[in-house]
N, C-alpha and C. Protein backbone atom coordinates (compact mmCIF):
# COMPACT_ATOMS: atom_id res chain seq x y z
N MET A 1 6.57 -27.70 22.04
CA MET A 1 6.62 -27.06 22.51
C MET A 1 6.12 -26.66 24.24
N SER A 2 7.33 -26.14 24.79
CA SER A 2 6.83 -25.62 26.02
C SER A 2 6.35 -24.31 26.30
N ARG A 3 5.26 -23.55 27.29
CA ARG A 3 5.08 -22.94 27.54
C ARG A 3 6.62 -21.68 27.39
N ALA A 4 7.61 -21.89 28.06
CA ALA A 4 8.30 -21.49 28.29
C ALA A 4 9.15 -21.33 27.03
N ASN A 5 9.38 -21.88 26.14
CA ASN A 5 10.01 -21.81 24.54
C ASN A 5 8.70 -20.86 23.76
N VAL A 6 7.64 -20.82 24.11
CA VAL A 6 6.96 -20.47 23.56
C VAL A 6 7.24 -18.28 23.79
N ILE A 7 7.25 -18.60 25.27
CA ILE A 7 7.63 -17.39 25.61
C ILE A 7 8.88 -16.37 25.11
N ALA A 8 9.72 -17.37 25.10
CA ALA A 8 11.19 -16.66 24.99
C ALA A 8 11.22 -16.45 23.14
N VAL A 9 11.00 -17.82 22.27
CA VAL A 9 10.94 -17.34 21.05
C VAL A 9 10.21 -16.60 21.01
N GLY A 10 8.77 -15.72 21.51
CA GLY A 10 8.24 -14.69 21.14
C GLY A 10 8.85 -13.38 21.37
N MET A 11 9.37 -13.34 22.65
CA MET A 11 10.70 -12.34 23.13
C MET A 11 11.49 -11.93 21.93
N ILE A 12 12.29 -13.07 21.56
CA ILE A 12 13.37 -13.38 20.77
C ILE A 12 13.36 -12.67 19.54
N ASP A 13 11.95 -13.15 19.10
CA ASP A 13 11.24 -12.71 17.52
C ASP A 13 10.72 -11.28 17.79
N ALA A 14 10.23 -10.87 18.70
CA ALA A 14 9.47 -9.54 18.33
C ALA A 14 10.88 -8.67 18.57
N ARG A 15 12.12 -8.65 18.84
CA ARG A 15 13.18 -7.76 18.98
C ARG A 15 13.85 -8.24 17.78
N PHE A 16 13.92 -8.97 16.87
CA PHE A 16 14.36 -9.21 15.85
C PHE A 16 13.68 -8.19 14.89
N ASP A 17 12.27 -8.65 15.08
CA ASP A 17 11.72 -7.08 14.28
C ASP A 17 11.80 -6.47 14.24
N CYS A 18 11.78 -5.40 15.56
CA CYS A 18 12.27 -4.11 15.69
C CYS A 18 13.28 -4.12 14.80
N ILE A 19 14.76 -4.71 15.13
CA ILE A 19 15.68 -4.33 14.30
C ILE A 19 15.31 -4.39 13.14
N ARG A 20 14.67 -5.74 11.80
CA ARG A 20 14.65 -5.40 10.42
C ARG A 20 13.55 -4.39 10.05
N ASN A 21 12.63 -3.45 11.34
CA ASN A 21 11.86 -2.21 10.55
C ASN A 21 13.00 -1.41 11.10
N GLY A 22 14.39 -1.00 11.05
CA GLY A 22 15.05 -0.25 11.32
C GLY A 22 15.55 0.71 12.80
N ASP A 23 15.14 -0.23 13.87
CA ASP A 23 15.49 0.33 14.92
C ASP A 23 16.40 -0.23 15.12
N THR A 24 18.11 -0.10 14.91
CA THR A 24 19.36 -0.44 14.94
C THR A 24 19.85 0.02 16.16
N SER A 25 19.69 0.99 17.59
CA SER A 25 19.95 1.30 18.68
C SER A 25 20.76 0.42 19.27
N SER A 26 21.92 0.30 19.97
CA SER A 26 22.70 -0.39 20.57
C SER A 26 22.08 -0.99 21.67
N GLN A 27 20.92 -0.42 22.27
CA GLN A 27 20.14 -1.19 23.29
C GLN A 27 19.63 -2.41 23.01
N LEU A 28 18.92 -2.29 21.72
CA LEU A 28 18.34 -3.18 21.47
C LEU A 28 19.09 -4.50 20.79
N PHE A 29 20.62 -3.73 20.48
CA PHE A 29 21.15 -5.37 20.09
C PHE A 29 21.49 -5.68 21.47
N ALA A 30 21.77 -5.14 22.56
CA ALA A 30 21.89 -5.74 23.43
C ALA A 30 21.02 -6.33 24.05
N GLU A 31 19.75 -5.91 24.10
CA GLU A 31 18.34 -6.59 24.71
C GLU A 31 18.16 -7.93 23.74
N THR A 32 18.42 -8.17 22.68
CA THR A 32 17.84 -9.30 21.52
C THR A 32 18.90 -10.15 22.56
N SER A 33 20.43 -10.07 22.61
CA SER A 33 21.36 -10.76 23.09
C SER A 33 20.79 -11.47 24.23
N MET A 34 21.02 -10.78 25.07
CA MET A 34 20.73 -11.15 26.47
C MET A 34 18.96 -11.85 26.79
N ALA A 35 18.23 -11.40 25.74
CA ALA A 35 17.34 -12.57 25.58
C ALA A 35 17.61 -14.24 24.99
N MET A 36 18.63 -14.00 24.12
CA MET A 36 18.88 -15.05 23.70
C MET A 36 19.07 -15.91 24.54
N GLU A 37 20.85 -15.02 25.66
CA GLU A 37 21.43 -15.93 26.15
C GLU A 37 20.80 -16.20 27.74
N MET A 38 19.59 -15.62 27.86
CA MET A 38 18.73 -15.89 29.22
C MET A 38 17.80 -17.21 28.56
N ALA A 39 17.35 -17.01 27.09
CA ALA A 39 16.60 -18.42 26.89
C ALA A 39 17.11 -19.50 27.41
N TYR A 40 18.34 -19.34 26.81
CA TYR A 40 19.27 -20.27 26.09
C TYR A 40 19.91 -21.31 27.68
N ALA A 41 19.83 -20.18 28.72
CA ALA A 41 20.64 -20.62 30.15
C ALA A 41 19.41 -21.27 30.60
N LEU A 42 18.86 -20.34 30.27
CA LEU A 42 17.12 -21.11 31.41
C LEU A 42 16.56 -22.92 30.89
N GLY A 43 16.97 -22.76 29.67
CA GLY A 43 16.45 -23.87 29.02
C GLY A 43 15.07 -24.03 28.28
N ALA A 44 15.08 -22.79 27.83
CA ALA A 44 13.49 -22.44 27.21
C ALA A 44 13.78 -22.88 25.39
N ILE A 45 14.93 -22.87 25.20
CA ILE A 45 15.74 -23.06 23.50
C ILE A 45 16.56 -23.58 23.93
N ASP A 46 16.57 -24.91 22.93
CA ASP A 46 18.03 -25.84 22.75
C ASP A 46 18.86 -25.23 22.32
N ASP A 47 19.98 -26.48 21.78
CA ASP A 47 21.06 -25.91 21.08
C ASP A 47 21.08 -25.38 19.95
N GLY A 48 20.65 -26.03 18.84
CA GLY A 48 20.06 -25.73 17.76
C GLY A 48 19.00 -24.40 17.26
N GLU A 49 18.13 -23.72 18.44
CA GLU A 49 17.86 -22.82 18.52
C GLU A 49 18.46 -22.06 18.79
N PHE A 50 19.41 -21.80 19.59
CA PHE A 50 20.38 -21.19 20.29
C PHE A 50 21.19 -20.46 18.92
N SER A 51 21.55 -21.52 18.32
CA SER A 51 22.75 -21.17 17.23
C SER A 51 21.49 -20.71 15.94
N HIS A 52 20.67 -21.55 15.74
CA HIS A 52 20.04 -20.73 14.35
C HIS A 52 20.32 -18.94 15.21
N TYR A 53 19.28 -18.05 16.17
CA TYR A 53 19.34 -16.79 16.73
C TYR A 53 20.76 -15.93 16.67
N LYS A 54 21.38 -17.14 17.10
CA LYS A 54 22.79 -16.66 17.38
C LYS A 54 23.25 -16.16 15.73
N ASP A 55 23.43 -16.68 14.84
CA ASP A 55 23.93 -16.41 13.47
C ASP A 55 23.01 -15.39 12.82
N ARG A 56 21.40 -15.34 13.19
CA ARG A 56 21.03 -14.24 12.53
C ARG A 56 21.12 -13.29 13.34
N PHE A 57 21.33 -13.50 14.38
CA PHE A 57 21.89 -11.91 15.36
C PHE A 57 23.43 -12.10 14.58
N ASN A 58 24.01 -12.49 14.39
CA ASN A 58 25.11 -11.91 14.06
C ASN A 58 25.04 -11.21 12.46
N ARG A 59 24.43 -12.25 11.49
CA ARG A 59 24.16 -11.61 10.61
C ARG A 59 23.49 -10.03 10.09
N LEU A 60 22.34 -9.93 11.30
CA LEU A 60 21.75 -8.48 11.08
C LEU A 60 22.95 -7.12 11.72
N TYR A 61 23.75 -7.79 12.69
CA TYR A 61 24.66 -6.98 13.23
C TYR A 61 25.79 -6.15 11.92
N GLN A 62 26.55 -7.66 11.29
CA GLN A 62 26.99 -7.56 10.45
C GLN A 62 26.49 -6.33 9.03
N ILE A 63 25.02 -6.32 9.17
CA ILE A 63 24.45 -5.68 7.70
C ILE A 63 24.77 -4.08 8.83
N GLN A 64 24.36 -4.19 9.46
CA GLN A 64 24.23 -2.70 10.30
C GLN A 64 25.24 -2.10 10.25
N ALA A 65 26.24 -2.87 10.72
CA ALA A 65 28.07 -2.77 10.74
C ALA A 65 28.56 -1.80 9.53
N GLU A 66 28.27 -2.61 8.12
CA GLU A 66 28.44 -2.87 7.07
C GLU A 66 27.32 -1.02 6.13
N ALA A 67 26.65 -1.35 6.74
CA ALA A 67 25.63 0.11 6.63
C ALA A 67 26.64 1.81 6.75
N PHE A 68 26.83 1.25 8.39
CA PHE A 68 27.36 2.80 9.49
C PHE A 68 28.58 3.14 8.25
N ILE A 69 29.68 1.79 8.37
CA ILE A 69 30.63 2.21 7.07
C ILE A 69 30.34 3.15 5.85
N ALA A 70 29.84 2.54 5.20
CA ALA A 70 29.30 2.76 3.98
C ALA A 70 28.33 4.68 4.06
N ASP A 71 27.83 5.36 5.72
CA ASP A 71 27.69 6.01 5.55
C ASP A 71 28.60 6.86 5.67
N ILE A 72 29.32 6.60 6.65
CA ILE A 72 30.58 7.02 6.47
C ILE A 72 31.61 7.78 5.58
N ARG A 73 31.69 6.87 5.02
CA ARG A 73 32.38 6.77 3.57
C ARG A 73 31.89 8.01 2.83
N ARG A 74 30.45 7.72 2.36
CA ARG A 74 29.51 8.68 1.71
C ARG A 74 29.92 10.00 2.44
N SER A 75 30.27 10.05 3.64
CA SER A 75 30.11 11.95 3.95
C SER A 75 31.45 12.15 4.49
N ALA A 76 32.51 11.51 4.40
CA ALA A 76 33.82 11.61 4.06
C ALA A 76 33.98 12.30 2.78
N PRO A 77 34.85 14.26 3.03
CA PRO A 77 35.23 14.83 1.80
C PRO A 77 36.16 14.30 1.04
């Protein structure tokens, strides 16, 4: 692994850790997406890593969206 790969993976994983620990702000999701896109565009991560992170990101986003909808339904009269 190159130094750029180690740094990029660390940045992306740190953001995923924050999301898993309950920080579901739209800003964090945007930062995570941007970190993945930039790392891929700069060649710090390859196609396989990018695909893995994108799938992971989409799953976390879906889980958050489903939880949000469930909260809305519970609070509806």
